[in-house]
Amino acid sequence: MRQDLTDRYRTTDIGVVKINNNAITAIASIAAMEVKGVHRIGGGASKTLYELFTKKGGTKGVKIYSTENELKLTICITVEYGVDMPRIADEVQENVKQAVEKMTGLVLSGVDVVVEGVRSPYTAGEKI
């Protein structure tokens, strides 16, 4: 039976189970990257460098917000040029919500998606 948990701690007959935020953000990142059209999780190079020095690896681009009654994620993505951004964002929301809830047993009250950028189809060496 699935419990309606918003707390990441669960007491069992033989102890306590704790789901670390890093595990939740890793699941969310992987689920978002499964959506075709998502290029990257998180922001550009400057944000990546900032996060490299201020956060633990694997959590960039995903933030967890929790209160007594709800657990919500915000995930920032960069998409490929030419994709349907609203459709991609909807798919990311659904895939992340399903993956996190299935793997953790937690119930998310929401998944916000922020499209922070678009990957250019041209590489540095190509002419436009």
C-alpha atoms as a PDB file:
ATOM      1  CA  MET A   1       0.000   0.000   0.000  1.00  0.00           C
ATOM      2  CA  ARG A   2       1.327   3.398  -0.980  1.00  0.00           C
ATOM      3  CA  GLN A   3       1.397   6.035   1.710  1.00  0.00           C
ATOM      4  CA  ASP A   4       0.670   9.694   1.028  1.00  0.00           C
ATOM      5  CA  LEU A   5       4.046  10.888   2.294  1.00  0.00           C
ATOM      6  CA  THR A   6       5.447  14.368   2.022  1.00  0.00           C
ATOM      7  CA  ASP A   7       8.100  13.636   4.607  1.00  0.00           C
ATOM      8  CA  ARG A   8      11.282  11.931   3.478  1.00  0.00           C
ATOM      9  CA  TYR A   9      11.507   9.911   6.709  1.00  0.00           C
ATOM     10  CA  ARG A  10       9.541   6.738   7.244  1.00  0.00           C
ATOM     11  CA  THR A  11       9.533   4.591  10.353  1.00  0.00           C
ATOM     12  CA  THR A  12       9.264   0.839   9.902  1.00  0.00           C
ATOM     13  CA  ASP A  13       9.115  -2.038  12.359  1.00  0.00           C
ATOM     14  CA  ILE A  14      12.900  -2.403  12.266  1.00  0.00           C
ATOM     15  CA  GLY A  15      14.108   1.190  11.917  1.00  0.00           C
ATOM     16  CA  VAL A  16      13.895   4.396   9.928  1.00  0.00           C
ATOM     17  CA  VAL A  17      14.166   4.927   6.175  1.00  0.00           C
ATOM     18  CA  LYS A  18      15.433   8.304   5.017  1.00  0.00           C
ATOM     19  CA  ILE A  19      15.496   9.390   1.379  1.00  0.00           C
ATOM     20  CA  ASN A  20      18.229  11.958   0.863  1.00  0.00           C
ATOM     21  CA  ASN A  21      17.561  15.051  -1.265  1.00  0.00           C
ATOM     22  CA  ASN A  22      20.469  14.077  -3.531  1.00  0.00           C
ATOM     23  CA  ALA A  23      18.687  10.828  -4.391  1.00  0.00           C
ATOM     24  CA  ILE A  24      15.492  12.696  -5.263  1.00  0.00           C
ATOM     25  CA  THR A  25      17.304  15.256  -7.420  1.00  0.00           C
ATOM     26  CA  ALA A  26      19.253  12.506  -9.200  1.00  0.00           C
ATOM     27  CA  ILE A  27      16.030  10.676 -10.049  1.00  0.00           C
ATOM     28  CA  ALA A  28      14.472  13.920 -11.305  1.00  0.00           C
ATOM     29  CA  SER A  29      17.514  14.761 -13.451  1.00  0.00           C
ATOM     30  CA  ILE A  30      17.624  11.328 -15.066  1.00  0.00           C
ATOM     31  CA  ALA A  31      13.868  11.343 -15.714  1.00  0.00           C
ATOM     32  CA  ALA A  32      14.063  14.778 -17.344  1.00  0.00           C
ATOM     33  CA  MET A  33      16.967  13.723 -19.571  1.00  0.00           C
ATOM     34  CA  GLU A  34      14.887  10.769 -20.811  1.00  0.00           C
ATOM     35  CA  VAL A  35      12.594  13.231 -22.600  1.00  0.00           C
ATOM     36  CA  LYS A  36      13.598  13.653 -26.234  1.00  0.00           C
ATOM     37  CA  GLY A  37      14.458  17.297 -26.888  1.00  0.00           C
ATOM     38  CA  VAL A  38      16.012  17.989 -23.492  1.00  0.00           C
ATOM     39  CA  HIS A  39      19.677  18.849 -24.012  1.00  0.00           C
ATOM     40  CA  ARG A  40      20.809  19.467 -20.448  1.00  0.00           C
ATOM     41  CA  ILE A  41      19.638  19.945 -16.875  1.00  0.00           C
ATOM     42  CA  GLY A  42      20.647  23.228 -15.285  1.00  0.00           C
ATOM     43  CA  GLY A  43      21.875  26.503 -16.714  1.00  0.00           C
ATOM     44  CA  GLY A  44      24.722  27.639 -18.882  1.00  0.00           C
ATOM     45  CA  ALA A  45      28.458  27.589 -18.233  1.00  0.00           C
ATOM     46  CA  SER A  46      28.493  30.395 -15.655  1.00  0.00           C
ATOM     47  CA  LYS A  47      25.757  28.752 -13.621  1.00  0.00           C
ATOM     48  CA  THR A  48      27.516  25.395 -13.894  1.00  0.00           C
ATOM     49  CA  LEU A  49      30.761  26.852 -12.530  1.00  0.00           C
ATOM     50  CA  TYR A  50      28.863  28.554  -9.703  1.00  0.00           C
ATOM     51  CA  GLU A  51      27.094  25.319  -8.808  1.00  0.00           C
ATOM     52  CA  LEU A  52      30.330  23.341  -9.076  1.00  0.00           C
ATOM     53  CA  PHE A  53      31.787  25.382  -6.221  1.00  0.00           C
ATOM     54  CA  THR A  54      28.638  25.817  -4.140  1.00  0.00           C
ATOM     55  CA  LYS A  55      26.684  22.555  -4.438  1.00  0.00           C
ATOM     56  CA  LYS A  56      27.238  18.841  -4.423  1.00  0.00           C
ATOM     57  CA  GLY A  57      27.422  17.158  -7.807  1.00  0.00           C
ATOM     58  CA  GLY A  58      24.321  15.661  -9.363  1.00  0.00           C
ATOM     59  CA  THR A  59      21.887  18.189  -7.917  1.00  0.00           C
ATOM     60  CA  LYS A  60      22.361  21.087 -10.314  1.00  0.00           C
ATOM     61  CA  GLY A  61      19.211  22.266 -11.990  1.00  0.00           C
ATOM     62  CA  VAL A  62      16.796  20.624  -9.527  1.00  0.00           C
ATOM     63  CA  LYS A  63      15.501  22.291  -6.391  1.00  0.00           C
ATOM     64  CA  ILE A  64      13.308  20.740  -3.727  1.00  0.00           C
ATOM     65  CA  TYR A  65      10.752  22.788  -1.836  1.00  0.00           C
ATOM     66  CA  SER A  66       8.979  21.196   1.082  1.00  0.00           C
ATOM     67  CA  THR A  67       6.547  22.288   3.726  1.00  0.00           C
ATOM     68  CA  GLU A  68       4.654  20.291   6.297  1.00  0.00           C
ATOM     69  CA  ASN A  69       2.000  19.394   3.742  1.00  0.00           C
ATOM     70  CA  GLU A  70       3.707  19.281   0.361  1.00  0.00           C
ATOM     71  CA  LEU A  71       6.801  18.401  -1.626  1.00  0.00           C
ATOM     72  CA  LYS A  72       7.474  20.263  -4.849  1.00  0.00           C
ATOM     73  CA  LEU A  73      10.333  20.230  -7.379  1.00  0.00           C
ATOM     74  CA  THR A  74      11.607  22.885  -9.753  1.00  0.00           C
ATOM     75  CA  ILE A  75      13.752  21.644 -12.606  1.00  0.00           C
ATOM     76  CA  CYS A  76      15.665  23.891 -14.999  1.00  0.00           C
ATOM     77  CA  ILE A  77      16.392  22.599 -18.498  1.00  0.00           C
ATOM     78  CA  THR A  78      18.025  23.578 -21.765  1.00  0.00           C
ATOM     79  CA  VAL A  79      16.235  22.269 -24.851  1.00  0.00           C
ATOM     80  CA  GLU A  80      17.342  21.491 -28.389  1.00  0.00           C
ATOM     81  CA  TYR A  81      16.659  24.149 -31.023  1.00  0.00           C
ATOM     82  CA  GLY A  82      13.407  23.608 -32.943  1.00  0.00           C
ATOM     83  CA  VAL A  83      11.498  21.586 -30.357  1.00  0.00           C
ATOM     84  CA  ASP A  84       7.999  22.350 -29.124  1.00  0.00           C
ATOM     85  CA  MET A  85       8.934  23.820 -25.726  1.00  0.00           C
ATOM     86  CA  PRO A  86       5.478  23.564 -24.097  1.00  0.00           C
ATOM     87  CA  ARG A  87       5.214  19.881 -25.106  1.00  0.00           C
ATOM     88  CA  ILE A  88       8.744  19.144 -23.853  1.00  0.00           C
ATOM     89  CA  ALA A  89       8.044  20.906 -20.543  1.00  0.00           C
ATOM     90  CA  ASP A  90       4.797  18.936 -20.108  1.00  0.00           C
ATOM     91  CA  GLU A  91       6.611  15.655 -20.779  1.00  0.00           C
ATOM     92  CA  VAL A  92       9.372  16.566 -18.334  1.00  0.00           C
ATOM     93  CA  GLN A  93       6.785  17.355 -15.643  1.00  0.00           C
ATOM     94  CA  GLU A  94       5.008  14.047 -16.122  1.00  0.00           C
ATOM     95  CA  ASN A  95       8.149  11.913 -16.418  1.00  0.00           C
ATOM     96  CA  VAL A  96       9.780  13.481 -13.344  1.00  0.00           C
ATOM     97  CA  LYS A  97       6.624  13.186 -11.232  1.00  0.00           C
ATOM     98  CA  GLN A  98       6.096   9.530 -12.178  1.00  0.00           C
ATOM     99  CA  ALA A  99       9.736   8.542 -11.649  1.00  0.00           C
ATOM    100  CA  VAL A 100      10.148  10.260  -8.273  1.00  0.00           C
ATOM    101  CA  GLU A 101       6.848   8.961  -6.931  1.00  0.00           C
ATOM    102  CA  LYS A 102       7.450   5.410  -8.202  1.00  0.00           C
ATOM    103  CA  MET A 103      11.001   5.145  -6.873  1.00  0.00           C
ATOM    104  CA  THR A 104      10.558   6.920  -3.532  1.00  0.00           C
ATOM    105  CA  GLY A 105       6.923   6.415  -2.560  1.00  0.00           C
ATOM    106  CA  LEU A 106       6.695  10.168  -1.987  1.00  0.00           C
ATOM    107  CA  VAL A 107       3.819  12.182  -3.459  1.00  0.00           C
ATOM    108  CA  LEU A 108       4.793  15.384  -5.252  1.00  0.00           C
ATOM    109  CA  SER A 109       2.385  18.287  -5.127  1.00  0.00           C
ATOM    110  CA  GLY A 110       3.978  19.789  -8.241  1.00  0.00           C
ATOM    111  CA  VAL A 111       6.853  19.849 -10.686  1.00  0.00           C
ATOM    112  CA  ASP A 112       7.740  23.244 -12.117  1.00  0.00           C
ATOM    113  CA  VAL A 113       9.842  23.321 -15.290  1.00  0.00           C
ATOM    114  CA  VAL A 114      11.945  26.346 -16.234  1.00  0.00           C
ATOM    115  CA  VAL A 115      13.308  26.400 -19.785  1.00  0.00           C
ATOM    116  CA  GLU A 116      16.522  28.366 -19.276  1.00  0.00           C
ATOM    117  CA  GLY A 117      17.980  28.056 -22.726  1.00  0.00           C
ATOM    118  CA  VAL A 118      18.033  26.644 -26.215  1.00  0.00           C
ATOM    119  CA  ARG A 119      20.997  24.693 -27.592  1.00  0.00           C
ATOM    120  CA  SER A 120      22.169  26.067 -30.898  1.00  0.00           C
ATOM    121  CA  PRO A 121      22.350  23.526 -33.727  1.00  0.00           C
ATOM    122  CA  TYR A 122      25.658  25.100 -34.790  1.00  0.00           C
ATOM    123  CA  THR A 123      28.945  24.192 -33.147  1.00  0.00           C
ATOM    124  CA  ALA A 124      31.788  26.643 -32.613  1.00  0.00           C
ATOM    125  CA  GLY A 125      33.627  25.548 -35.797  1.00  0.00           C
ATOM    126  CA  GLU A 126      30.670  25.740 -38.209  1.00  0.00           C
ATOM    127  CA  LYS A 127      29.646  28.764 -40.241  1.00  0.00           C
ATOM    128  CA  ILE A 128      26.078  29.965 -40.173  1.00  0.00           C
END
